[in-house]
């Protein structure tokens, strides 16, 4: 069934390559009824300028339950050209009040990772808000510096096969490839029961931050990483840090822990938890 829905975008992951969909961004957010939704695939960089949504911005689009992804929150866009942006990015005033009202209104904040994983194994959820009890470390590890050549070749061949119905500019757009991050970043943390885990951070912001820091550091990678640590360790650990967790489709029912960190939510700390007001939908 096709539905016309409004979604507050809370998650954009760093782009990856897919031999089926080319460049992908996993997008997730809060529906107009307060529940989670995953919108996949979403070729973000191929959207027209007026469709390029930002985090914490409402959008309107037509979606239906995914036919290729059985996870409960997974939906697919029916008609990309009809995506509409609604209003401005939500304010961070009053300790992120407008954002908190929506994110926390109807969603459980989990602190027990084992219980959360069990819910995923039962396919009851694949997206969740998680509050770590203690952050132990921010881990930075080198990884492959180039995209998988087989995937790139497959995309190139596909564009050639479609060349009879695509213009030269359309083919170039099809093969636009975002820069591969040469490092992966992970949080090592502890849950409320003392369980320690290390999960990779896959949000768009940490990737963009790396490239911006590298540019500002005259291509000094060590200095760029130090600047990332200033934000994701020194700054975020002073905040009311929450993780947006999501499972990967390949590991959803198989891996001991199928979750990755698909976004971070770091509003200022508050002395007491206020009551949430009904959120406004544009």
Protein backbone atom coordinates (compact mmCIF):
# COMPACT_ATOMS: atom_id res chain seq x y z
CA UNK A 1 0.00 0.00 0.00
CA UNK A 2 1.33 3.40 -1.00
CA UNK A 3 1.19 6.05 1.73
CA UNK A 4 1.87 9.76 1.60
CA UNK A 5 3.79 10.43 4.83
CA UNK A 6 5.80 13.11 6.58
CA UNK A 7 9.15 12.17 8.11
CA UNK A 8 11.55 14.08 10.33
CA UNK A 9 14.99 13.05 9.10
CA UNK A 10 17.27 12.09 12.01
CA UNK A 11 19.77 9.80 10.28
CA UNK A 12 21.87 9.98 7.14
CA UNK A 13 24.70 7.47 6.88
CA UNK A 14 27.90 8.04 4.94
CA UNK A 15 27.38 6.95 1.32
CA UNK A 16 28.27 3.42 0.27
CA UNK A 17 28.37 1.73 -3.12
CA UNK A 18 25.83 -0.81 -4.28
CA UNK A 19 26.03 -2.74 -7.53
CA UNK A 20 22.22 -2.62 -7.65
CA UNK A 21 21.53 0.98 -6.64
CA UNK A 22 24.90 2.71 -7.24
CA UNK A 23 25.63 5.23 -4.47
CA UNK A 24 23.41 4.83 -1.41
CA UNK A 25 22.62 6.74 1.73
CA UNK A 26 20.67 4.94 4.44
CA UNK A 27 18.10 7.44 5.67
CA UNK A 28 15.97 7.06 8.79
CA UNK A 29 13.71 9.27 10.81
CA UNK A 30 10.56 9.73 12.82
CA UNK A 31 7.20 9.39 11.07
CA UNK A 32 4.31 11.77 11.62
CA UNK A 33 2.90 9.29 14.17
CA UNK A 34 6.13 9.38 16.22
CA UNK A 35 7.50 5.96 15.17
CA UNK A 36 10.72 5.03 13.39
CA UNK A 37 11.06 4.53 9.64
CA UNK A 38 13.97 3.51 7.43
CA UNK A 39 13.92 4.77 3.84
CA UNK A 40 16.15 2.69 1.61
CA UNK A 41 17.53 2.95 -0.99
CA UNK A 42 17.95 6.71 -1.11
CA UNK A 43 20.47 8.00 -3.71
CA UNK A 44 20.86 11.30 -1.88
CA UNK A 45 23.40 12.97 -4.15
CA UNK A 46 21.22 12.30 -7.20
CA UNK A 47 18.27 14.22 -5.78
CA UNK A 48 17.61 17.66 -7.18
CA UNK A 49 18.83 20.60 -5.10
CA UNK A 50 15.36 21.46 -3.79
CA UNK A 51 14.94 17.85 -2.62
CA UNK A 52 18.20 17.51 -0.69
CA UNK A 53 16.96 17.20 2.84
CA UNK A 54 19.00 17.96 5.95
CA UNK A 55 18.98 16.25 9.31
CA UNK A 56 16.14 17.37 11.57
CA UNK A 57 14.12 18.63 8.64
CA UNK A 58 10.62 17.40 7.81
CA UNK A 59 10.06 15.95 4.36
CA UNK A 60 6.97 14.62 2.62
CA UNK A 61 7.12 11.61 0.31
CA UNK A 62 5.27 8.59 -0.96
CA UNK A 63 6.43 5.30 0.56
CA UNK A 64 5.41 1.66 0.73
CA UNK A 65 6.68 -1.30 2.73
CA UNK A 66 9.89 -2.58 1.23
CA UNK A 67 9.57 -5.67 -0.94
CA UNK A 68 13.23 -6.58 -0.51
CA UNK A 69 13.79 -5.76 3.17
CA UNK A 70 11.77 -7.62 5.81
CA UNK A 71 12.85 -5.46 8.73
CA UNK A 72 9.73 -3.87 10.27
CA UNK A 73 10.69 -0.21 9.80
CA UNK A 74 11.99 -0.53 6.22
CA UNK A 75 10.10 1.32 3.49
CA UNK A 76 10.97 2.36 -0.05
CA UNK A 77 10.25 5.57 -1.92
CA UNK A 78 7.62 5.19 -4.62
CA UNK A 79 8.45 8.33 -6.60
CA UNK A 80 11.71 10.17 -5.86
CA UNK A 81 10.84 13.32 -7.90
CA UNK A 82 7.86 13.93 -5.60
CA UNK A 83 9.94 14.29 -2.42
CA UNK A 84 9.16 17.68 -0.82
CA UNK A 85 11.00 19.56 1.91
CA UNK A 86 8.80 21.04 4.64
CA UNK A 87 10.05 24.04 6.56
CA UNK A 88 13.45 24.66 8.07
CA UNK A 89 15.76 22.50 10.16
CA UNK A 90 14.44 22.20 13.71
CA UNK A 91 16.09 24.54 16.19
CA UNK A 92 18.62 23.58 18.87
CA UNK A 93 17.27 26.24 21.24
CA UNK A 94 16.16 25.38 24.76
CA UNK A 95 18.45 22.33 25.00
CA UNK A 96 17.21 20.95 21.66
CA UNK A 97 13.63 20.99 22.96
CA UNK A 98 11.88 20.76 19.57
CA UNK A 99 14.10 17.84 18.55
CA UNK A 100 13.78 16.05 21.89
CA UNK A 101 9.99 16.34 21.77
CA UNK A 102 9.86 14.34 18.55
CA UNK A 103 12.71 11.88 19.04
CA UNK A 104 11.67 10.79 22.54
CA UNK A 105 7.90 11.27 22.36
CA UNK A 106 6.91 7.70 21.43
CA UNK A 107 10.21 5.81 21.38
CA UNK A 108 11.80 3.77 24.15
CA UNK A 109 15.33 4.72 25.18
CA UNK A 110 17.14 1.40 25.63
CA UNK A 111 20.03 0.95 28.05
CA UNK A 112 20.28 -2.85 28.05
CA UNK A 113 22.04 -3.87 24.81
CA UNK A 114 21.38 -7.59 25.29
CA UNK A 115 17.62 -7.01 25.54
CA UNK A 116 17.75 -4.76 22.47
CA UNK A 117 19.59 -7.39 20.43
CA UNK A 118 16.99 -9.99 21.42
CA UNK A 119 14.21 -7.77 20.09
CA UNK A 120 16.08 -7.50 16.80
CA UNK A 121 16.49 -11.30 16.65
CA UNK A 122 12.71 -11.57 17.01
CA UNK A 123 12.38 -9.04 14.18
CA UNK A 124 10.43 -6.71 16.42
CA UNK A 125 12.68 -3.77 15.60
CA UNK A 126 15.78 -2.78 13.67
CA UNK A 127 16.05 0.88 14.69
CA UNK A 128 16.35 2.15 18.25
CA UNK A 129 17.55 4.89 20.57
CA UNK A 130 20.27 3.68 22.94
CA UNK A 131 21.74 5.45 25.95
CA UNK A 132 25.25 4.18 26.81
CA UNK A 133 26.06 4.10 30.50
CA UNK A 134 29.75 4.83 29.94
CA UNK A 135 31.84 5.71 26.89
CA UNK A 136 35.19 3.96 27.20
CA UNK A 137 36.98 5.01 24.02
CA UNK A 138 36.71 6.43 20.52
CA UNK A 139 38.55 3.98 18.28
CA UNK A 140 40.08 5.04 14.96
CA UNK A 141 41.30 2.32 12.60
CA UNK A 142 42.74 2.55 9.07
CA UNK A 143 40.75 0.81 6.37
CA UNK A 144 40.78 0.42 2.58
CA UNK A 145 41.40 3.73 0.86
CA UNK A 146 39.66 2.92 -2.41
CA UNK A 147 36.25 1.55 -3.28
CA UNK A 148 35.90 -2.07 -4.28
CA UNK A 149 37.05 -2.35 -7.91
CA UNK A 150 34.49 -5.05 -8.71
CA UNK A 151 31.63 -2.80 -7.63
CA UNK A 152 33.02 0.14 -9.58
CA UNK A 153 33.41 -2.04 -12.69
CA UNK A 154 29.86 -3.34 -12.35
CA UNK A 155 28.53 0.21 -12.13
CA UNK A 156 30.57 1.24 -15.15
CA UNK A 157 29.30 -1.69 -17.22
CA UNK A 158 25.73 -0.98 -16.19
CA UNK A 159 26.02 2.61 -17.35
CA UNK A 160 27.45 1.49 -20.67
CA UNK A 161 24.55 -0.92 -21.14
CA UNK A 162 22.14 1.94 -20.52
CA UNK A 163 23.97 4.39 -22.77
CA UNK A 164 21.40 4.04 -25.54
CA UNK A 165 18.76 5.66 -23.35
CA UNK A 166 20.98 7.92 -21.22
CA UNK A 167 22.67 11.14 -22.17
CA UNK A 168 26.38 11.65 -21.54
CA UNK A 169 25.60 13.87 -18.56
CA UNK A 170 23.24 11.29 -17.10
CA UNK A 171 25.94 8.61 -17.34
CA UNK A 172 28.44 10.90 -15.60
CA UNK A 173 25.89 11.53 -12.86
CA UNK A 174 25.28 7.79 -12.54
CA UNK A 175 28.98 7.19 -11.88
CA UNK A 176 29.53 9.99 -9.39
CA UNK A 177 31.38 8.37 -6.52
CA UNK A 178 31.82 9.88 -3.09
CA UNK A 179 35.29 9.75 -1.61
CA UNK A 180 36.09 6.61 0.35
CA UNK A 181 36.89 7.23 4.01
CA UNK A 182 40.38 5.86 4.80
CA UNK A 183 39.51 5.33 8.47
CA UNK A 184 36.64 3.80 10.39
CA UNK A 185 35.49 5.29 13.66
CA UNK A 186 33.88 3.34 16.50
CA UNK A 187 32.70 3.91 20.04
CA UNK A 188 33.69 1.41 22.71
CA UNK A 189 31.10 1.67 25.46
CA UNK A 190 29.36 -0.03 28.35
CA UNK A 191 25.63 -0.59 28.84
CA UNK A 192 23.64 -0.45 32.07
CA UNK A 193 24.58 -4.06 32.95
CA UNK A 194 28.30 -3.58 32.34
CA UNK A 195 28.31 -5.23 28.92
CA UNK A 196 31.10 -3.76 26.79
CA UNK A 197 30.67 -3.36 23.04
CA UNK A 198 32.38 -1.68 20.11
CA UNK A 199 30.15 -0.37 17.33
CA UNK A 200 31.16 1.46 14.18
CA UNK A 201 29.88 5.00 13.65
CA UNK A 202 28.40 5.26 10.16
CA UNK A 203 26.71 8.65 10.20
CA UNK A 204 27.25 11.18 7.42
CA UNK A 205 28.52 13.83 9.81
CA UNK A 206 31.65 12.01 10.93
CA UNK A 207 32.63 11.39 7.30
CA UNK A 208 32.05 15.00 6.31
CA UNK A 209 33.87 16.17 9.44
CA UNK A 210 36.92 14.09 8.52
CA UNK A 211 37.22 15.64 5.05
CA UNK A 212 36.70 19.16 6.42
CA UNK A 213 39.27 18.63 9.15
CA UNK A 214 41.73 17.16 6.64
CA UNK A 215 41.37 20.25 4.46
CA UNK A 216 41.80 22.59 7.42
CA UNK A 217 44.87 20.59 8.52
CA UNK A 218 46.66 20.85 5.15
CA UNK A 219 46.10 17.12 4.51
CA UNK A 220 47.69 16.10 7.81
CA UNK A 221 45.65 12.98 8.65
CA UNK A 222 46.87 12.73 12.24
CA UNK A 223 45.81 16.30 12.94
CA UNK A 224 42.44 15.72 11.25
CA UNK A 225 41.82 12.71 13.49
CA UNK A 226 42.74 14.76 16.55
CA UNK A 227 40.09 17.31 15.57
CA UNK A 228 37.48 14.58 15.18
CA UNK A 229 38.39 13.31 18.64
CA UNK A 230 37.87 16.83 20.03
CA UNK A 231 34.24 16.68 18.88
CA UNK A 232 33.27 13.03 19.28
CA UNK A 233 35.17 12.53 22.54
CA UNK A 234 35.97 15.78 24.32
CA UNK A 235 32.76 17.60 23.37
CA UNK A 236 30.18 14.81 23.07
CA UNK A 237 31.10 13.25 26.40
CA UNK A 238 29.97 16.46 28.09
CA UNK A 239 26.55 16.09 26.41
CA UNK A 240 23.48 13.94 27.01
CA UNK A 241 24.80 11.53 24.39
CA UNK A 242 22.47 8.99 22.80
CA UNK A 243 23.06 6.66 19.87
CA UNK A 244 20.70 5.96 17.01
CA UNK A 245 21.28 2.26 16.37
CA UNK A 246 20.30 0.32 13.27
CA UNK A 247 20.83 -3.23 12.11
CA UNK A 248 22.26 -4.14 8.74
CA UNK A 249 20.05 -6.29 6.54
CA UNK A 250 22.73 -8.93 6.01
CA UNK A 251 23.32 -9.37 9.76
CA UNK A 252 19.87 -8.59 11.17
CA UNK A 253 19.04 -12.16 12.21
CA UNK A 254 22.51 -13.71 12.05
CA UNK A 255 25.18 -11.67 13.80
CA UNK A 256 25.67 -11.84 17.59
CA UNK A 257 25.23 -8.06 17.55
CA UNK A 258 23.64 -6.81 14.30
CA UNK A 259 23.68 -3.10 15.25
CA UNK A 260 25.86 -0.22 14.11
CA UNK A 261 25.71 3.41 15.19
CA UNK A 262 23.90 5.14 12.35
CA UNK A 263 23.70 8.47 14.14
CA UNK A 264 24.49 10.28 17.36
CA UNK A 265 22.15 12.54 19.30
CA UNK A 266 24.13 14.87 21.62
CA UNK A 267 21.82 17.49 23.17
CA UNK A 268 23.00 19.39 26.26
CA UNK A 269 22.51 17.73 29.62
CA UNK A 270 19.46 18.77 31.63
CA UNK A 271 19.11 18.75 35.40
CA UNK A 272 15.68 17.15 35.21
CA UNK A 273 13.71 15.46 32.48
CA UNK A 274 10.83 17.72 31.37
CA UNK A 275 7.49 16.48 30.16
CA UNK A 276 7.30 16.11 26.41
CA UNK A 277 4.75 18.20 24.58
CA UNK A 278 2.90 16.91 21.50
CA UNK A 279 5.10 17.68 18.53
CA UNK A 280 3.99 19.85 15.67
CA UNK A 281 3.96 18.50 12.13
CA UNK A 282 4.29 21.01 9.28
